[in-house]
Amino acid sequence: MTVALMWEARGAEGRGAELLAWVRAQHLAGEPLRREVLGAPGDRVLVITWWAAAYDAELPELPDPPGELLHRPVHRWRFERFESYGEE
């Protein structure tokens, strides 16, 4: 089974570049199958990690960044893969 962990934060006004740098410097306690870092307007940063694990497995997650970098609390979601198309 493949599980995707999604971590999304909105940076404080004008602090998106600092938030992105903080995210890139974070190391997980394990090695995911894949890790992607994405950005969007509004100083948003999204990190998706894929793991070969059961849906309810204990997996390493990114911590919360320093509060001064955030506009609002971090959002986290967990998804189980049902199908995959295209690049693997």
N, C-alpha and C. Protein backbone atom coordinates (compact mmCIF):
# COMPACT_ATOMS: atom_id res chain seq x y z
N MET A 1 0.84 -1.17 0.00
CA MET A 1 0.00 0.00 0.00
C MET A 1 0.89 1.24 0.00
N THR A 2 0.43 2.29 -0.66
CA THR A 2 1.14 3.55 -0.65
C THR A 2 0.29 4.60 0.04
N VAL A 3 0.92 5.33 0.95
CA VAL A 3 0.26 6.40 1.69
C VAL A 3 0.95 7.71 1.36
N ALA A 4 0.16 8.75 1.11
CA ALA A 4 0.71 10.08 0.87
C ALA A 4 0.38 10.97 2.06
N LEU A 5 1.39 11.63 2.57
CA LEU A 5 1.19 12.62 3.62
C LEU A 5 1.32 13.99 2.99
N MET A 6 0.35 14.84 3.24
CA MET A 6 0.37 16.20 2.71
C MET A 6 0.49 17.17 3.88
N TRP A 7 1.39 18.11 3.71
CA TRP A 7 1.68 19.14 4.72
C TRP A 7 1.60 20.47 4.01
N GLU A 8 0.73 21.37 4.48
CA GLU A 8 0.56 22.65 3.80
C GLU A 8 0.58 23.79 4.81
N ALA A 9 1.36 24.81 4.49
CA ALA A 9 1.46 25.98 5.36
C ALA A 9 1.33 27.25 4.53
N ARG A 10 0.75 28.25 5.14
CA ARG A 10 0.70 29.58 4.51
C ARG A 10 1.62 30.49 5.31
N GLY A 11 2.59 31.02 4.62
CA GLY A 11 3.57 31.87 5.27
C GLY A 11 2.98 33.21 5.67
N ALA A 12 3.56 33.79 6.70
CA ALA A 12 3.20 35.16 7.07
C ALA A 12 3.50 36.07 5.89
N GLU A 13 2.81 37.18 5.82
CA GLU A 13 2.95 38.12 4.71
C GLU A 13 4.41 38.39 4.39
N GLY A 14 4.80 38.09 3.13
CA GLY A 14 6.16 38.33 2.67
C GLY A 14 7.21 37.37 3.19
N ARG A 15 6.80 36.30 3.90
CA ARG A 15 7.77 35.36 4.49
C ARG A 15 7.78 34.01 3.78
N GLY A 16 7.16 33.94 2.60
CA GLY A 16 7.08 32.68 1.88
C GLY A 16 8.44 32.10 1.53
N ALA A 17 9.39 32.95 1.13
CA ALA A 17 10.72 32.45 0.79
C ALA A 17 11.42 31.86 2.01
N GLU A 18 11.23 32.48 3.16
CA GLU A 18 11.82 31.95 4.39
C GLU A 18 11.16 30.63 4.78
N LEU A 19 9.84 30.55 4.62
CA LEU A 19 9.14 29.31 4.92
C LEU A 19 9.63 28.20 4.00
N LEU A 20 9.79 28.48 2.72
CA LEU A 20 10.29 27.49 1.77
C LEU A 20 11.69 27.04 2.15
N ALA A 21 12.55 27.96 2.52
CA ALA A 21 13.91 27.60 2.95
C ALA A 21 13.87 26.72 4.19
N TRP A 22 12.98 27.03 5.12
CA TRP A 22 12.85 26.21 6.34
C TRP A 22 12.42 24.79 5.96
N VAL A 23 11.41 24.68 5.07
CA VAL A 23 10.93 23.36 4.65
C VAL A 23 12.05 22.56 4.01
N ARG A 24 12.80 23.19 3.10
CA ARG A 24 13.88 22.48 2.41
C ARG A 24 14.96 21.99 3.36
N ALA A 25 15.12 22.63 4.48
CA ALA A 25 16.16 22.25 5.45
C ALA A 25 15.71 21.12 6.38
N GLN A 26 14.44 20.75 6.33
CA GLN A 26 13.92 19.72 7.23
C GLN A 26 14.24 18.32 6.71
N HIS A 27 14.72 17.48 7.59
CA HIS A 27 14.99 16.09 7.25
C HIS A 27 14.05 15.20 8.04
N LEU A 28 13.56 14.17 7.40
CA LEU A 28 12.64 13.24 8.04
C LEU A 28 13.43 12.09 8.67
N ALA A 29 12.83 11.45 9.64
CA ALA A 29 13.48 10.33 10.34
C ALA A 29 13.54 9.08 9.48
N GLY A 30 12.91 9.08 8.35
CA GLY A 30 12.95 7.96 7.41
C GLY A 30 13.00 8.50 5.99
N GLU A 31 13.19 7.62 5.03
CA GLU A 31 13.29 8.03 3.63
C GLU A 31 12.00 7.66 2.90
N PRO A 32 11.22 8.65 2.45
CA PRO A 32 9.99 8.33 1.72
C PRO A 32 10.32 7.81 0.32
N LEU A 33 9.33 7.19 -0.31
CA LEU A 33 9.49 6.76 -1.70
C LEU A 33 9.71 7.98 -2.59
N ARG A 34 9.05 9.08 -2.22
CA ARG A 34 9.09 10.30 -3.02
C ARG A 34 8.73 11.47 -2.13
N ARG A 35 9.31 12.62 -2.42
CA ARG A 35 8.99 13.86 -1.69
C ARG A 35 8.96 15.01 -2.69
N GLU A 36 7.88 15.76 -2.67
CA GLU A 36 7.74 16.91 -3.56
C GLU A 36 7.43 18.14 -2.72
N VAL A 37 8.03 19.27 -3.12
CA VAL A 37 7.76 20.55 -2.48
C VAL A 37 7.20 21.47 -3.56
N LEU A 38 6.03 22.04 -3.29
CA LEU A 38 5.35 22.89 -4.25
C LEU A 38 5.00 24.22 -3.59
N GLY A 39 4.77 25.22 -4.42
CA GLY A 39 4.39 26.53 -3.90
C GLY A 39 3.21 27.08 -4.67
N ALA A 40 2.55 28.08 -4.06
CA ALA A 40 1.41 28.73 -4.68
C ALA A 40 1.36 30.18 -4.21
N PRO A 41 0.61 31.02 -4.94
CA PRO A 41 0.47 32.40 -4.50
C PRO A 41 -0.03 32.47 -3.05
N GLY A 42 0.25 33.57 -2.40
CA GLY A 42 -0.17 33.73 -1.01
C GLY A 42 0.84 33.14 -0.05
N ASP A 43 2.10 32.97 -0.50
CA ASP A 43 3.16 32.43 0.35
C ASP A 43 2.84 31.04 0.87
N ARG A 44 2.19 30.22 0.02
CA ARG A 44 1.83 28.85 0.43
C ARG A 44 2.92 27.87 0.00
N VAL A 45 3.16 26.89 0.87
CA VAL A 45 4.11 25.82 0.60
C VAL A 45 3.42 24.50 0.91
N LEU A 46 3.53 23.56 -0.02
CA LEU A 46 2.92 22.24 0.11
C LEU A 46 4.02 21.19 -0.02
N VAL A 47 4.03 20.23 0.89
CA VAL A 47 4.97 19.11 0.82
C VAL A 47 4.15 17.83 0.79
N ILE A 48 4.44 16.97 -0.19
CA ILE A 48 3.78 15.67 -0.28
C ILE A 48 4.87 14.61 -0.21
N THR A 49 4.70 13.67 0.70
CA THR A 49 5.63 12.53 0.78
C THR A 49 4.83 11.25 0.57
N TRP A 50 5.44 10.30 -0.15
CA TRP A 50 4.82 9.00 -0.41
C TRP A 50 5.60 7.94 0.36
N TRP A 51 4.87 7.03 0.98
CA TRP A 51 5.46 5.98 1.80
C TRP A 51 4.87 4.63 1.45
N ALA A 52 5.69 3.59 1.45
CA ALA A 52 5.21 2.22 1.32
C ALA A 52 4.84 1.78 2.73
N ALA A 53 3.58 1.96 3.07
CA ALA A 53 3.14 1.68 4.45
C ALA A 53 1.63 1.55 4.49
N ALA A 54 1.15 1.01 5.57
CA ALA A 54 -0.29 0.93 5.80
C ALA A 54 -0.82 2.33 6.11
N TYR A 55 -2.09 2.54 5.86
CA TYR A 55 -2.69 3.86 6.06
C TYR A 55 -2.46 4.40 7.47
N ASP A 56 -2.58 3.53 8.44
CA ASP A 56 -2.47 3.98 9.83
C ASP A 56 -1.06 3.80 10.42
N ALA A 57 -0.07 3.56 9.57
CA ALA A 57 1.31 3.38 10.05
C ALA A 57 1.83 4.67 10.69
N GLU A 58 2.69 4.52 11.65
CA GLU A 58 3.36 5.67 12.25
C GLU A 58 4.48 6.10 11.31
N LEU A 59 4.36 7.30 10.78
CA LEU A 59 5.31 7.80 9.79
C LEU A 59 5.87 9.15 10.23
N PRO A 60 7.11 9.44 9.86
CA PRO A 60 7.67 10.75 10.21
C PRO A 60 7.00 11.86 9.41
N GLU A 61 6.69 12.95 10.08
CA GLU A 61 6.05 14.09 9.43
C GLU A 61 6.87 15.34 9.69
N LEU A 62 6.72 16.31 8.82
CA LEU A 62 7.37 17.59 9.05
C LEU A 62 6.78 18.24 10.31
N PRO A 63 7.62 18.87 11.10
CA PRO A 63 7.10 19.57 12.27
C PRO A 63 6.47 20.90 11.87
N ASP A 64 5.95 21.60 12.84
CA ASP A 64 5.47 22.96 12.60
C ASP A 64 6.67 23.89 12.53
N PRO A 65 6.66 24.82 11.59
CA PRO A 65 7.75 25.80 11.52
C PRO A 65 7.61 26.82 12.66
N PRO A 66 8.63 27.64 12.84
CA PRO A 66 8.52 28.70 13.85
C PRO A 66 7.29 29.57 13.58
N GLY A 67 6.59 29.92 14.63
CA GLY A 67 5.33 30.64 14.51
C GLY A 67 5.41 31.93 13.73
N GLU A 68 6.55 32.62 13.80
CA GLU A 68 6.66 33.91 13.10
C GLU A 68 6.66 33.76 11.58
N LEU A 69 6.88 32.52 11.08
CA LEU A 69 6.85 32.28 9.63
C LEU A 69 5.45 32.00 9.12
N LEU A 70 4.49 31.80 10.02
CA LEU A 70 3.16 31.35 9.62
C LEU A 70 2.09 32.42 9.67
N HIS A 71 1.18 32.33 8.69
CA HIS A 71 -0.03 33.16 8.68
C HIS A 71 -1.13 32.47 9.49
N ARG A 72 -1.12 31.14 9.45
CA ARG A 72 -2.12 30.33 10.16
C ARG A 72 -1.49 28.97 10.46
N PRO A 73 -2.12 28.15 11.30
CA PRO A 73 -1.55 26.84 11.61
C PRO A 73 -1.38 25.95 10.37
N VAL A 74 -0.44 25.04 10.44
CA VAL A 74 -0.17 24.07 9.38
C VAL A 74 -1.38 23.14 9.22
N HIS A 75 -1.69 22.77 7.99
CA HIS A 75 -2.72 21.76 7.71
C HIS A 75 -2.03 20.47 7.30
N ARG A 76 -2.54 19.34 7.75
CA ARG A 76 -2.00 18.03 7.41
C ARG A 76 -3.13 17.09 7.00
N TRP A 77 -2.84 16.28 5.95
CA TRP A 77 -3.79 15.28 5.50
C TRP A 77 -3.03 13.99 5.19
N ARG A 78 -3.74 12.89 5.24
CA ARG A 78 -3.18 11.57 4.91
C ARG A 78 -4.12 10.92 3.91
N PHE A 79 -3.53 10.37 2.84
CA PHE A 79 -4.32 9.73 1.80
C PHE A 79 -3.74 8.36 1.48
N GLU A 80 -4.61 7.44 1.10
CA GLU A 80 -4.22 6.12 0.62
C GLU A 80 -4.35 6.12 -0.90
N ARG A 81 -3.34 5.61 -1.60
CA ARG A 81 -3.40 5.56 -3.07
C ARG A 81 -4.28 4.40 -3.51
N PHE A 82 -5.22 4.72 -4.40
CA PHE A 82 -6.08 3.71 -5.02
C PHE A 82 -5.59 3.39 -6.42
N GLU A 83 -5.18 4.40 -7.17
CA GLU A 83 -4.72 4.23 -8.55
C GLU A 83 -3.63 5.23 -8.83
N SER A 84 -2.83 4.95 -9.85
CA SER A 84 -1.78 5.87 -10.27
C SER A 84 -1.71 5.85 -11.79
N TYR A 85 -1.58 7.04 -12.38
CA TYR A 85 -1.47 7.17 -13.82
C TYR A 85 -0.22 7.94 -14.16
N GLY A 86 0.37 7.66 -15.29
CA GLY A 86 1.52 8.42 -15.74
C GLY A 86 2.80 8.02 -15.07
N GLU A 87 3.65 9.01 -14.84
CA GLU A 87 5.00 8.79 -14.31
C GLU A 87 4.97 8.14 -12.94
N GLU A 88 5.84 7.19 -12.76
CA GLU A 88 6.00 6.50 -11.47
C GLU A 88 7.40 6.66 -10.99
